[in-house]
N, C-alpha and C. Protein backbone atom coordinates (compact mmCIF):
# COMPACT_ATOMS: atom_id res chain seq x y z
N MET A 1 -12.27 -9.96 2.32
CA MET A 1 -11.77 -9.86 0.95
C MET A 1 -10.25 -9.96 0.90
N TRP A 2 -9.60 -9.19 1.75
CA TRP A 2 -8.14 -9.15 1.71
C TRP A 2 -7.54 -9.94 2.85
N SER A 3 -6.67 -10.87 2.55
CA SER A 3 -5.90 -11.59 3.56
C SER A 3 -4.50 -11.76 3.04
N PHE A 4 -3.57 -10.91 3.53
CA PHE A 4 -2.28 -10.78 2.88
C PHE A 4 -1.16 -11.58 3.50
N ILE A 5 -1.11 -11.66 4.81
CA ILE A 5 0.07 -12.20 5.46
C ILE A 5 0.04 -13.71 5.44
N LYS A 6 1.06 -14.31 4.86
CA LYS A 6 1.14 -15.76 4.81
C LYS A 6 1.48 -16.29 6.19
N LYS A 7 0.76 -17.31 6.62
CA LYS A 7 0.91 -17.80 7.99
C LYS A 7 1.33 -19.26 8.00
N GLU A 8 2.44 -19.55 7.32
CA GLU A 8 2.92 -20.93 7.31
C GLU A 8 3.31 -21.35 8.73
N VAL A 9 3.04 -22.61 9.04
CA VAL A 9 3.30 -23.15 10.38
C VAL A 9 4.79 -23.07 10.71
N THR A 10 5.65 -23.20 9.70
CA THR A 10 7.09 -23.25 9.94
C THR A 10 7.73 -21.87 10.07
N THR A 11 6.95 -20.82 9.92
CA THR A 11 7.52 -19.48 9.92
C THR A 11 8.16 -19.13 11.25
N ILE A 12 9.14 -18.22 11.21
CA ILE A 12 9.77 -17.76 12.45
C ILE A 12 8.83 -16.85 13.23
N TYR A 13 7.71 -16.46 12.60
CA TYR A 13 6.76 -15.58 13.27
C TYR A 13 5.58 -16.36 13.88
N THR A 14 5.77 -17.63 14.14
CA THR A 14 4.68 -18.48 14.64
C THR A 14 4.04 -17.90 15.89
N ALA A 15 4.85 -17.44 16.85
CA ALA A 15 4.31 -16.90 18.10
C ALA A 15 3.44 -15.68 17.83
N PHE A 16 3.86 -14.85 16.89
CA PHE A 16 3.07 -13.66 16.54
C PHE A 16 1.74 -14.06 15.93
N TYR A 17 1.76 -15.06 15.04
CA TYR A 17 0.54 -15.47 14.36
C TYR A 17 -0.45 -16.18 15.28
N LYS A 18 0.01 -16.56 16.46
CA LYS A 18 -0.90 -17.19 17.43
C LYS A 18 -1.78 -16.14 18.13
N LEU A 19 -1.39 -14.88 18.01
CA LEU A 19 -2.19 -13.81 18.60
C LEU A 19 -3.49 -13.63 17.82
N LYS A 20 -4.48 -13.05 18.48
CA LYS A 20 -5.72 -12.72 17.78
C LYS A 20 -5.41 -11.71 16.69
N GLU A 21 -6.17 -11.77 15.61
CA GLU A 21 -5.91 -10.92 14.46
C GLU A 21 -5.96 -9.44 14.81
N VAL A 22 -6.88 -9.08 15.68
CA VAL A 22 -6.99 -7.68 16.10
C VAL A 22 -5.70 -7.22 16.77
N LYS A 23 -5.11 -8.09 17.59
CA LYS A 23 -3.86 -7.75 18.28
C LYS A 23 -2.72 -7.68 17.29
N GLN A 24 -2.69 -8.59 16.33
CA GLN A 24 -1.66 -8.54 15.29
C GLN A 24 -1.69 -7.19 14.57
N GLU A 25 -2.89 -6.77 14.19
CA GLU A 25 -3.02 -5.52 13.45
C GLU A 25 -2.60 -4.33 14.30
N LEU A 26 -2.89 -4.38 15.61
CA LEU A 26 -2.50 -3.28 16.50
C LEU A 26 -0.98 -3.17 16.57
N ILE A 27 -0.31 -4.30 16.70
CA ILE A 27 1.15 -4.29 16.78
C ILE A 27 1.75 -3.81 15.46
N ILE A 28 1.23 -4.31 14.36
CA ILE A 28 1.73 -3.92 13.04
C ILE A 28 1.56 -2.42 12.83
N ASN A 29 0.37 -1.91 13.08
CA ASN A 29 0.11 -0.50 12.84
C ASN A 29 0.89 0.40 13.79
N SER A 30 1.10 -0.05 15.03
CA SER A 30 1.90 0.72 16.00
C SER A 30 3.35 0.80 15.54
N ALA A 31 3.89 -0.32 15.05
CA ALA A 31 5.27 -0.34 14.58
C ALA A 31 5.44 0.51 13.33
N ILE A 32 4.52 0.37 12.40
CA ILE A 32 4.59 1.16 11.17
C ILE A 32 4.55 2.65 11.49
N LYS A 33 3.67 3.03 12.38
CA LYS A 33 3.53 4.44 12.76
C LYS A 33 4.85 5.00 13.26
N GLU A 34 5.55 4.25 14.11
CA GLU A 34 6.81 4.70 14.68
C GLU A 34 7.92 4.74 13.64
N PHE A 35 8.00 3.74 12.78
CA PHE A 35 9.05 3.72 11.75
C PHE A 35 8.84 4.84 10.73
N VAL A 36 7.58 5.10 10.37
CA VAL A 36 7.29 6.19 9.43
C VAL A 36 7.67 7.53 10.04
N LYS A 37 7.37 7.70 11.31
CA LYS A 37 7.62 8.97 11.99
C LYS A 37 9.12 9.21 12.21
N SER A 38 9.84 8.17 12.60
CA SER A 38 11.22 8.36 13.08
C SER A 38 12.31 7.77 12.20
N GLY A 39 11.97 6.92 11.24
CA GLY A 39 12.99 6.21 10.49
C GLY A 39 13.53 5.05 11.31
N PHE A 40 14.31 4.18 10.65
CA PHE A 40 14.73 2.96 11.34
C PHE A 40 15.63 3.23 12.54
N ASP A 41 16.69 4.01 12.36
CA ASP A 41 17.67 4.19 13.43
C ASP A 41 17.07 4.84 14.67
N LYS A 42 16.20 5.85 14.47
CA LYS A 42 15.66 6.60 15.60
C LYS A 42 14.36 6.02 16.15
N ALA A 43 13.79 5.06 15.46
CA ALA A 43 12.53 4.46 15.94
C ALA A 43 12.73 3.84 17.32
N SER A 44 11.76 4.05 18.18
CA SER A 44 11.85 3.57 19.56
C SER A 44 10.93 2.37 19.79
N THR A 45 11.52 1.25 20.19
CA THR A 45 10.68 0.09 20.52
C THR A 45 9.84 0.38 21.76
N ASN A 46 10.30 1.29 22.62
CA ASN A 46 9.50 1.68 23.79
C ASN A 46 8.18 2.31 23.35
N GLU A 47 8.26 3.16 22.31
CA GLU A 47 7.04 3.80 21.80
C GLU A 47 6.12 2.77 21.15
N ILE A 48 6.72 1.81 20.46
CA ILE A 48 5.92 0.78 19.78
C ILE A 48 5.15 -0.06 20.79
N VAL A 49 5.85 -0.54 21.83
CA VAL A 49 5.17 -1.41 22.80
C VAL A 49 4.14 -0.63 23.61
N LYS A 50 4.42 0.64 23.84
CA LYS A 50 3.45 1.48 24.55
C LYS A 50 2.18 1.63 23.74
N GLU A 51 2.34 1.92 22.45
CA GLU A 51 1.19 2.11 21.56
C GLU A 51 0.42 0.80 21.38
N ALA A 52 1.16 -0.32 21.32
CA ALA A 52 0.53 -1.63 21.07
C ALA A 52 0.04 -2.29 22.36
N ASN A 53 0.40 -1.70 23.50
CA ASN A 53 0.00 -2.24 24.81
C ASN A 53 0.50 -3.67 25.02
N ILE A 54 1.81 -3.85 24.73
CA ILE A 54 2.46 -5.13 25.00
C ILE A 54 3.80 -4.85 25.69
N SER A 55 4.43 -5.89 26.21
CA SER A 55 5.74 -5.72 26.84
C SER A 55 6.83 -5.78 25.78
N LYS A 56 7.99 -5.20 26.10
CA LYS A 56 9.11 -5.25 25.17
C LYS A 56 9.58 -6.70 25.00
N GLY A 57 9.49 -7.48 26.08
CA GLY A 57 9.87 -8.89 26.00
C GLY A 57 9.02 -9.63 24.99
N SER A 58 7.73 -9.31 24.97
CA SER A 58 6.83 -9.95 24.01
C SER A 58 7.19 -9.56 22.58
N LEU A 59 7.49 -8.27 22.38
CA LEU A 59 7.84 -7.80 21.04
C LEU A 59 9.06 -8.55 20.51
N PHE A 60 10.07 -8.71 21.36
CA PHE A 60 11.29 -9.38 20.93
C PHE A 60 11.09 -10.90 20.82
N ALA A 61 10.13 -11.43 21.56
CA ALA A 61 9.80 -12.85 21.41
C ALA A 61 9.17 -13.10 20.04
N TYR A 62 8.41 -12.12 19.56
CA TYR A 62 7.75 -12.25 18.26
C TYR A 62 8.72 -12.02 17.10
N PHE A 63 9.65 -11.03 17.26
CA PHE A 63 10.46 -10.59 16.12
C PHE A 63 11.97 -10.58 16.37
N GLN A 64 12.42 -11.01 17.53
CA GLN A 64 13.84 -11.11 17.90
C GLN A 64 14.54 -9.76 18.13
N SER A 65 14.30 -8.77 17.28
CA SER A 65 15.00 -7.49 17.38
C SER A 65 14.23 -6.42 16.62
N LYS A 66 14.68 -5.18 16.75
CA LYS A 66 14.05 -4.09 15.99
C LYS A 66 14.22 -4.34 14.49
N LYS A 67 15.39 -4.80 14.11
CA LYS A 67 15.64 -5.10 12.70
C LYS A 67 14.74 -6.24 12.23
N GLY A 68 14.56 -7.24 13.07
CA GLY A 68 13.68 -8.34 12.72
C GLY A 68 12.26 -7.87 12.50
N LEU A 69 11.80 -6.93 13.34
CA LEU A 69 10.47 -6.35 13.19
C LEU A 69 10.37 -5.58 11.89
N TYR A 70 11.40 -4.82 11.58
CA TYR A 70 11.41 -4.01 10.36
C TYR A 70 11.36 -4.91 9.12
N ILE A 71 12.14 -5.98 9.15
CA ILE A 71 12.13 -6.93 8.03
C ILE A 71 10.75 -7.56 7.87
N PHE A 72 10.14 -7.91 9.00
CA PHE A 72 8.78 -8.47 8.95
C PHE A 72 7.83 -7.49 8.27
N LEU A 73 7.92 -6.21 8.63
CA LEU A 73 7.01 -5.21 8.07
C LEU A 73 7.25 -5.02 6.57
N ILE A 74 8.51 -5.10 6.15
CA ILE A 74 8.82 -5.02 4.73
C ILE A 74 8.21 -6.20 3.99
N GLU A 75 8.37 -7.40 4.55
CA GLU A 75 7.81 -8.59 3.91
C GLU A 75 6.28 -8.52 3.87
N TYR A 76 5.72 -8.07 4.97
CA TYR A 76 4.27 -7.92 5.09
C TYR A 76 3.74 -6.90 4.07
N GLY A 77 4.41 -5.74 3.99
CA GLY A 77 4.00 -4.71 3.05
C GLY A 77 4.17 -5.17 1.61
N SER A 78 5.24 -5.90 1.34
CA SER A 78 5.48 -6.40 -0.01
C SER A 78 4.42 -7.41 -0.42
N GLN A 79 3.97 -8.22 0.53
CA GLN A 79 2.90 -9.18 0.24
C GLN A 79 1.60 -8.46 -0.10
N ILE A 80 1.34 -7.37 0.62
CA ILE A 80 0.12 -6.60 0.36
C ILE A 80 0.17 -5.99 -1.04
N ILE A 81 1.30 -5.38 -1.38
CA ILE A 81 1.44 -4.80 -2.71
C ILE A 81 1.36 -5.89 -3.78
N GLY A 82 2.02 -7.01 -3.51
CA GLY A 82 1.97 -8.13 -4.45
C GLY A 82 0.55 -8.62 -4.67
N SER A 83 -0.22 -8.69 -3.58
CA SER A 83 -1.61 -9.13 -3.69
C SER A 83 -2.44 -8.12 -4.47
N LEU A 84 -2.14 -6.84 -4.28
CA LEU A 84 -2.83 -5.80 -5.05
C LEU A 84 -2.58 -6.00 -6.54
N TYR A 85 -1.35 -6.26 -6.92
CA TYR A 85 -1.02 -6.48 -8.33
C TYR A 85 -1.73 -7.72 -8.87
N GLU A 86 -1.84 -8.75 -8.03
CA GLU A 86 -2.49 -10.00 -8.47
C GLU A 86 -3.97 -9.78 -8.77
N HIS A 87 -4.57 -8.78 -8.13
CA HIS A 87 -6.00 -8.52 -8.32
C HIS A 87 -6.27 -7.59 -9.51
N ILE A 88 -5.23 -7.13 -10.19
CA ILE A 88 -5.44 -6.25 -11.33
C ILE A 88 -6.04 -7.06 -12.48
N ASP A 89 -7.12 -6.55 -13.04
CA ASP A 89 -7.80 -7.21 -14.15
C ASP A 89 -7.11 -6.80 -15.46
N LEU A 90 -6.27 -7.69 -15.99
CA LEU A 90 -5.52 -7.38 -17.20
C LEU A 90 -6.39 -7.42 -18.45
N ASN A 91 -7.62 -7.89 -18.30
CA ASN A 91 -8.56 -7.86 -19.43
C ASN A 91 -9.16 -6.47 -19.62
N GLU A 92 -9.04 -5.63 -18.59
CA GLU A 92 -9.51 -4.25 -18.69
C GLU A 92 -8.40 -3.42 -19.33
N THR A 93 -8.59 -3.03 -20.60
CA THR A 93 -7.52 -2.36 -21.35
C THR A 93 -7.63 -0.84 -21.32
N ASP A 94 -8.73 -0.32 -20.78
CA ASP A 94 -8.86 1.14 -20.68
C ASP A 94 -8.08 1.63 -19.47
N LEU A 95 -7.16 2.56 -19.68
CA LEU A 95 -6.28 3.02 -18.62
C LEU A 95 -7.05 3.62 -17.45
N PHE A 96 -8.08 4.40 -17.75
CA PHE A 96 -8.86 5.05 -16.68
C PHE A 96 -9.55 4.00 -15.82
N LYS A 97 -10.15 3.01 -16.47
CA LYS A 97 -10.84 1.96 -15.72
C LYS A 97 -9.84 1.14 -14.91
N ARG A 98 -8.67 0.86 -15.49
CA ARG A 98 -7.64 0.09 -14.79
C ARG A 98 -7.23 0.80 -13.49
N LEU A 99 -6.93 2.08 -13.59
CA LEU A 99 -6.50 2.84 -12.42
C LEU A 99 -7.64 3.03 -11.42
N GLU A 100 -8.84 3.14 -11.93
CA GLU A 100 -10.01 3.26 -11.06
C GLU A 100 -10.16 2.00 -10.19
N ASN A 101 -10.01 0.83 -10.80
CA ASN A 101 -10.13 -0.43 -10.06
C ASN A 101 -9.00 -0.57 -9.04
N ILE A 102 -7.79 -0.16 -9.41
CA ILE A 102 -6.67 -0.21 -8.47
C ILE A 102 -6.94 0.71 -7.29
N GLY A 103 -7.51 1.89 -7.57
CA GLY A 103 -7.83 2.84 -6.51
C GLY A 103 -8.80 2.26 -5.50
N ILE A 104 -9.81 1.56 -5.98
CA ILE A 104 -10.79 0.92 -5.09
C ILE A 104 -10.12 -0.12 -4.21
N GLN A 105 -9.25 -0.93 -4.80
CA GLN A 105 -8.54 -1.95 -4.03
C GLN A 105 -7.66 -1.33 -2.96
N LYS A 106 -7.00 -0.22 -3.30
CA LYS A 106 -6.15 0.46 -2.32
C LYS A 106 -6.95 0.98 -1.14
N LEU A 107 -8.18 1.42 -1.40
CA LEU A 107 -9.04 1.89 -0.31
C LEU A 107 -9.40 0.75 0.63
N HIS A 108 -9.66 -0.43 0.08
CA HIS A 108 -9.94 -1.60 0.92
C HIS A 108 -8.73 -1.91 1.81
N ILE A 109 -7.54 -1.83 1.22
CA ILE A 109 -6.33 -2.08 1.98
C ILE A 109 -6.16 -1.04 3.07
N HIS A 110 -6.36 0.22 2.70
CA HIS A 110 -6.16 1.31 3.67
C HIS A 110 -7.11 1.19 4.85
N LYS A 111 -8.32 0.72 4.60
CA LYS A 111 -9.31 0.59 5.68
C LYS A 111 -8.80 -0.35 6.76
N ARG A 112 -8.09 -1.39 6.35
CA ARG A 112 -7.61 -2.38 7.32
C ARG A 112 -6.19 -2.07 7.80
N TYR A 113 -5.35 -1.61 6.89
CA TYR A 113 -3.93 -1.33 7.21
C TYR A 113 -3.62 0.11 6.82
N PRO A 114 -4.01 1.08 7.64
CA PRO A 114 -4.01 2.49 7.24
C PRO A 114 -2.66 3.10 6.91
N LEU A 115 -1.56 2.52 7.38
CA LEU A 115 -0.27 3.15 7.18
C LEU A 115 0.69 2.37 6.29
N VAL A 116 0.22 1.28 5.70
CA VAL A 116 1.14 0.41 4.97
C VAL A 116 1.77 1.10 3.76
N PHE A 117 1.00 1.92 3.04
CA PHE A 117 1.55 2.60 1.88
C PHE A 117 2.54 3.68 2.31
N ASP A 118 2.24 4.35 3.43
CA ASP A 118 3.18 5.34 3.97
C ASP A 118 4.48 4.66 4.38
N PHE A 119 4.37 3.47 4.96
CA PHE A 119 5.57 2.76 5.39
C PHE A 119 6.45 2.39 4.21
N LEU A 120 5.86 1.81 3.18
CA LEU A 120 6.64 1.41 2.02
C LEU A 120 7.26 2.62 1.33
N ALA A 121 6.51 3.73 1.30
CA ALA A 121 7.07 4.96 0.73
C ALA A 121 8.24 5.46 1.56
N SER A 122 8.14 5.31 2.88
CA SER A 122 9.21 5.78 3.76
C SER A 122 10.48 4.95 3.60
N THR A 123 10.34 3.68 3.23
CA THR A 123 11.53 2.84 3.06
C THR A 123 12.40 3.33 1.90
N VAL A 124 11.76 3.93 0.91
CA VAL A 124 12.50 4.44 -0.25
C VAL A 124 13.47 5.55 0.18
N GLN A 125 13.08 6.30 1.23
CA GLN A 125 13.90 7.41 1.73
C GLN A 125 14.83 6.97 2.87
N GLU A 126 14.73 5.72 3.29
CA GLU A 126 15.49 5.24 4.45
C GLU A 126 16.99 5.22 4.14
N GLU A 127 17.78 5.81 5.04
CA GLU A 127 19.23 5.91 4.85
C GLU A 127 20.02 4.95 5.73
N SER A 128 19.37 4.25 6.63
CA SER A 128 20.09 3.37 7.56
C SER A 128 20.83 2.27 6.81
N ILE A 129 22.13 2.18 7.04
CA ILE A 129 22.95 1.15 6.40
C ILE A 129 22.48 -0.24 6.80
N GLU A 130 21.92 -0.34 8.00
CA GLU A 130 21.52 -1.65 8.53
C GLU A 130 20.40 -2.30 7.72
N VAL A 131 19.58 -1.49 7.07
CA VAL A 131 18.43 -2.06 6.36
C VAL A 131 18.35 -1.69 4.88
N LYS A 132 19.26 -0.87 4.37
CA LYS A 132 19.17 -0.42 2.98
C LYS A 132 19.22 -1.56 1.97
N ASP A 133 20.08 -2.53 2.21
CA ASP A 133 20.20 -3.65 1.27
C ASP A 133 18.92 -4.49 1.24
N ILE A 134 18.28 -4.64 2.41
CA ILE A 134 17.03 -5.39 2.49
C ILE A 134 15.93 -4.68 1.71
N ILE A 135 15.88 -3.36 1.85
CA ILE A 135 14.89 -2.55 1.13
C ILE A 135 15.10 -2.69 -0.37
N LYS A 136 16.33 -2.58 -0.80
CA LYS A 136 16.65 -2.67 -2.23
C LYS A 136 16.24 -4.02 -2.79
N ASP A 137 16.48 -5.05 -2.01
CA ASP A 137 16.19 -6.41 -2.46
C ASP A 137 14.70 -6.68 -2.53
N LYS A 138 13.96 -6.24 -1.52
CA LYS A 138 12.55 -6.62 -1.40
C LYS A 138 11.57 -5.58 -1.92
N VAL A 139 11.79 -4.30 -1.60
CA VAL A 139 10.81 -3.27 -1.94
C VAL A 139 11.00 -2.76 -3.37
N ASP A 140 12.23 -2.41 -3.72
CA ASP A 140 12.48 -1.84 -5.05
C ASP A 140 12.02 -2.78 -6.16
N SER A 141 12.29 -4.07 -5.98
CA SER A 141 11.96 -5.03 -7.03
C SER A 141 10.46 -5.17 -7.23
N ILE A 142 9.70 -5.15 -6.14
CA ILE A 142 8.25 -5.33 -6.27
C ILE A 142 7.60 -4.09 -6.88
N TYR A 143 8.13 -2.90 -6.59
CA TYR A 143 7.61 -1.70 -7.21
C TYR A 143 7.90 -1.68 -8.71
N ALA A 144 9.12 -2.09 -9.06
CA ALA A 144 9.50 -2.12 -10.48
C ALA A 144 8.63 -3.10 -11.26
N GLY A 145 8.41 -4.28 -10.69
CA GLY A 145 7.57 -5.27 -11.35
C GLY A 145 6.12 -4.84 -11.42
N GLY A 146 5.66 -4.15 -10.37
CA GLY A 146 4.28 -3.70 -10.32
C GLY A 146 3.96 -2.66 -11.38
N LYS A 147 4.90 -1.80 -11.66
CA LYS A 147 4.69 -0.76 -12.68
C LYS A 147 4.42 -1.41 -14.03
N ASP A 148 5.15 -2.48 -14.33
CA ASP A 148 4.94 -3.19 -15.59
C ASP A 148 3.55 -3.80 -15.66
N ILE A 149 3.08 -4.34 -14.51
CA ILE A 149 1.77 -4.98 -14.47
C ILE A 149 0.65 -3.95 -14.62
N ILE A 150 0.79 -2.81 -13.95
CA ILE A 150 -0.25 -1.78 -13.98
C ILE A 150 -0.56 -1.34 -15.40
N TYR A 151 0.49 -1.23 -16.22
CA TYR A 151 0.30 -0.71 -17.58
C TYR A 151 0.31 -1.80 -18.66
N LYS A 152 0.28 -3.04 -18.24
CA LYS A 152 0.29 -4.14 -19.20
C LYS A 152 -1.05 -4.22 -19.95
N ASN A 153 -0.99 -4.42 -21.26
CA ASN A 153 -2.16 -4.60 -22.13
C ASN A 153 -3.05 -3.37 -22.23
N ILE A 154 -2.57 -2.20 -21.85
CA ILE A 154 -3.38 -0.99 -21.97
C ILE A 154 -3.52 -0.61 -23.45
N ASP A 155 -4.72 -0.18 -23.84
CA ASP A 155 -4.99 0.22 -25.22
C ASP A 155 -4.68 1.71 -25.37
N TYR A 156 -3.48 2.00 -25.86
CA TYR A 156 -3.06 3.39 -26.00
C TYR A 156 -3.59 4.03 -27.28
N THR A 157 -4.27 3.25 -28.13
CA THR A 157 -4.83 3.83 -29.36
C THR A 157 -6.02 4.75 -29.05
N LYS A 158 -6.52 4.70 -27.81
CA LYS A 158 -7.63 5.57 -27.43
C LYS A 158 -7.19 7.03 -27.30
N PHE A 159 -5.88 7.24 -27.13
CA PHE A 159 -5.39 8.61 -26.99
C PHE A 159 -5.38 9.32 -28.33
N ARG A 160 -5.68 10.61 -28.30
CA ARG A 160 -5.68 11.41 -29.52
C ARG A 160 -4.27 11.53 -30.10
N GLU A 161 -4.21 11.69 -31.42
CA GLU A 161 -2.92 11.89 -32.07
C GLU A 161 -2.31 13.20 -31.58
N GLY A 162 -1.00 13.18 -31.35
CA GLY A 162 -0.32 14.39 -30.90
C GLY A 162 -0.23 14.52 -29.40
N ILE A 163 -0.98 13.66 -28.66
CA ILE A 163 -0.92 13.69 -27.21
C ILE A 163 0.36 12.98 -26.75
N ASP A 164 1.11 13.62 -25.88
CA ASP A 164 2.27 12.98 -25.27
C ASP A 164 1.75 12.02 -24.19
N ILE A 165 1.69 10.75 -24.54
CA ILE A 165 1.06 9.76 -23.66
C ILE A 165 1.77 9.68 -22.32
N GLU A 166 3.08 9.75 -22.33
CA GLU A 166 3.83 9.67 -21.08
C GLU A 166 3.46 10.83 -20.14
N LYS A 167 3.35 12.04 -20.70
CA LYS A 167 2.96 13.21 -19.89
C LYS A 167 1.52 13.09 -19.43
N ALA A 168 0.66 12.56 -20.31
CA ALA A 168 -0.75 12.38 -19.96
C ALA A 168 -0.90 11.42 -18.79
N ILE A 169 -0.11 10.35 -18.81
CA ILE A 169 -0.14 9.38 -17.71
C ILE A 169 0.34 10.01 -16.42
N GLU A 170 1.36 10.87 -16.51
CA GLU A 170 1.84 11.58 -15.32
C GLU A 170 0.72 12.43 -14.72
N ILE A 171 0.02 13.17 -15.57
CA ILE A 171 -1.09 14.02 -15.11
C ILE A 171 -2.18 13.16 -14.48
N LEU A 172 -2.48 12.04 -15.12
CA LEU A 172 -3.51 11.13 -14.59
C LEU A 172 -3.09 10.58 -13.24
N ASN A 173 -1.82 10.20 -13.11
CA ASN A 173 -1.33 9.67 -11.83
C ASN A 173 -1.35 10.73 -10.73
N TRP A 174 -0.98 11.95 -11.08
CA TRP A 174 -1.02 13.03 -10.08
C TRP A 174 -2.46 13.25 -9.61
N THR A 175 -3.38 13.23 -10.57
CA THR A 175 -4.80 13.42 -10.21
C THR A 175 -5.29 12.29 -9.32
N MET A 176 -4.94 11.05 -9.70
CA MET A 176 -5.35 9.89 -8.91
C MET A 176 -4.75 9.94 -7.51
N PHE A 177 -3.48 10.37 -7.42
CA PHE A 177 -2.83 10.45 -6.11
C PHE A 177 -3.54 11.46 -5.23
N GLY A 178 -3.80 12.65 -5.76
CA GLY A 178 -4.50 13.68 -4.98
C GLY A 178 -5.90 13.25 -4.59
N PHE A 179 -6.59 12.63 -5.53
CA PHE A 179 -7.95 12.16 -5.25
C PHE A 179 -7.92 11.04 -4.21
N GLY A 180 -6.91 10.16 -4.32
CA GLY A 180 -6.77 9.07 -3.36
C GLY A 180 -6.50 9.59 -1.96
N GLU A 181 -5.66 10.63 -1.85
CA GLU A 181 -5.37 11.23 -0.54
C GLU A 181 -6.65 11.82 0.07
N LYS A 182 -7.43 12.46 -0.75
CA LYS A 182 -8.71 13.02 -0.28
C LYS A 182 -9.63 11.91 0.20
N ALA A 183 -9.68 10.81 -0.56
CA ALA A 183 -10.54 9.68 -0.19
C ALA A 183 -10.09 9.05 1.13
N ILE A 184 -8.77 8.93 1.32
CA ILE A 184 -8.24 8.33 2.54
C ILE A 184 -8.67 9.12 3.77
N HIS A 185 -8.70 10.45 3.63
CA HIS A 185 -9.11 11.30 4.76
C HIS A 185 -10.61 11.16 5.06
N GLN A 186 -11.36 10.74 4.05
CA GLN A 186 -12.81 10.62 4.22
C GLN A 186 -13.27 9.23 4.63
N ILE A 187 -12.48 8.21 4.30
CA ILE A 187 -12.96 6.84 4.39
C ILE A 187 -13.31 6.41 5.81
N ASN A 188 -12.59 6.91 6.80
CA ASN A 188 -12.83 6.47 8.17
C ASN A 188 -14.15 6.96 8.74
N SER A 189 -14.78 7.91 8.05
CA SER A 189 -16.09 8.38 8.50
C SER A 189 -17.22 7.48 8.00
N PHE A 190 -16.87 6.47 7.20
CA PHE A 190 -17.85 5.52 6.67
C PHE A 190 -17.63 4.15 7.30
N GLU A 191 -18.66 3.59 7.88
CA GLU A 191 -18.57 2.23 8.42
C GLU A 191 -18.67 1.21 7.30
N ASN A 192 -19.43 1.54 6.28
CA ASN A 192 -19.68 0.62 5.16
C ASN A 192 -18.75 0.98 4.00
N ILE A 193 -17.73 0.15 3.76
CA ILE A 193 -16.77 0.43 2.69
C ILE A 193 -17.44 0.40 1.33
N GLY A 194 -18.49 -0.43 1.19
CA GLY A 194 -19.21 -0.50 -0.08
C GLY A 194 -19.91 0.81 -0.40
N GLU A 195 -20.52 1.40 0.62
CA GLU A 195 -21.21 2.69 0.45
C GLU A 195 -20.20 3.77 0.07
N PHE A 196 -19.05 3.74 0.74
CA PHE A 196 -18.02 4.72 0.41
C PHE A 196 -17.50 4.50 -1.01
N GLY A 197 -17.32 3.23 -1.39
CA GLY A 197 -16.82 2.92 -2.72
C GLY A 197 -17.73 3.45 -3.81
N ASP A 198 -19.05 3.37 -3.60
CA ASP A 198 -20.01 3.89 -4.57
C ASP A 198 -19.85 5.39 -4.72
N GLN A 199 -19.70 6.08 -3.59
CA GLN A 199 -19.54 7.53 -3.62
C GLN A 199 -18.21 7.91 -4.29
N TYR A 200 -17.18 7.14 -3.96
CA TYR A 200 -15.84 7.35 -4.53
C TYR A 200 -15.88 7.25 -6.05
N LEU A 201 -16.55 6.22 -6.56
CA LEU A 201 -16.62 6.00 -8.00
C LEU A 201 -17.37 7.12 -8.71
N LYS A 202 -18.47 7.55 -8.11
CA LYS A 202 -19.26 8.62 -8.73
C LYS A 202 -18.45 9.91 -8.84
N GLU A 203 -17.70 10.22 -7.77
CA GLU A 203 -16.90 11.44 -7.80
C GLU A 203 -15.74 11.31 -8.77
N TRP A 204 -15.09 10.12 -8.77
CA TRP A 204 -13.97 9.92 -9.68
C TRP A 204 -14.40 10.03 -11.14
N GLU A 205 -15.61 9.57 -11.45
CA GLU A 205 -16.10 9.62 -12.82
C GLU A 205 -16.14 11.05 -13.35
N ARG A 206 -16.42 12.02 -12.44
CA ARG A 206 -16.45 13.42 -12.86
C ARG A 206 -15.06 13.89 -13.27
N TYR A 207 -14.05 13.48 -12.49
CA TYR A 207 -12.67 13.84 -12.82
C TYR A 207 -12.22 13.14 -14.11
N SER A 208 -12.52 11.85 -14.22
CA SER A 208 -12.04 11.08 -15.36
C SER A 208 -12.67 11.56 -16.67
N GLU A 209 -13.92 12.02 -16.62
CA GLU A 209 -14.56 12.52 -17.84
C GLU A 209 -13.83 13.75 -18.36
N ILE A 210 -13.38 14.62 -17.45
CA ILE A 210 -12.64 15.81 -17.85
C ILE A 210 -11.32 15.41 -18.49
N LEU A 211 -10.63 14.45 -17.87
CA LEU A 211 -9.33 14.01 -18.38
C LEU A 211 -9.48 13.25 -19.70
N LYS A 212 -10.51 12.43 -19.81
CA LYS A 212 -10.76 11.71 -21.07
C LYS A 212 -11.02 12.70 -22.21
N TYR A 213 -11.78 13.73 -21.91
CA TYR A 213 -12.09 14.75 -22.91
C TYR A 213 -10.80 15.42 -23.40
N SER A 214 -9.82 15.55 -22.48
CA SER A 214 -8.55 16.19 -22.81
C SER A 214 -7.62 15.27 -23.61
N PHE A 215 -7.66 13.96 -23.32
CA PHE A 215 -6.66 13.04 -23.86
C PHE A 215 -7.17 12.08 -24.93
N TYR A 216 -8.44 11.65 -24.81
CA TYR A 216 -8.95 10.61 -25.69
C TYR A 216 -9.51 11.19 -27.00
N LYS A 217 -9.64 10.30 -27.99
CA LYS A 217 -10.23 10.67 -29.27
C LYS A 217 -11.70 11.01 -29.10
């Protein structure tokens, strides 16, 4: 279902893309894990190559430098988020249904790339002068654009009169975030993502009914 990383023949990452997909994912997830844990400046390429079971020479052949690897991960993460936004059904005008569908898509992404959202979140807190401008250029812009897409064409007339819609959305987002974190901890115990998705939807419906009762007409 999900295939995020563009693999143009002319890319500077050609050598990396020649690896088997399983190996690509191992290197990506190993690097993300280290950058999330340590930040850019303190991240150790020794730890990354150890976790990924490759040589340091190979890592630098694929990405030239630690900064090159970090830039690759930002581009890769941005493509994933961009693809998530592209899959949003703008014909679905009910806010609860819209966020429910986004939640399902995020679970599919997490199953394959378990740390990508943590990595992108960590870039927002990154203080390294070496990469701050890159983050601002690539990550901040896609998040800002994505927020507009998430709430585009939503039918706010469903909310009761007197409800502070902005506060209601905050409460809904907090609930979705907490529920999503719970789902992420459970998902790896399911081999069948479809089976998990069915269970996820049934449980979410219980939460959404309570919130709809509070906010909707």
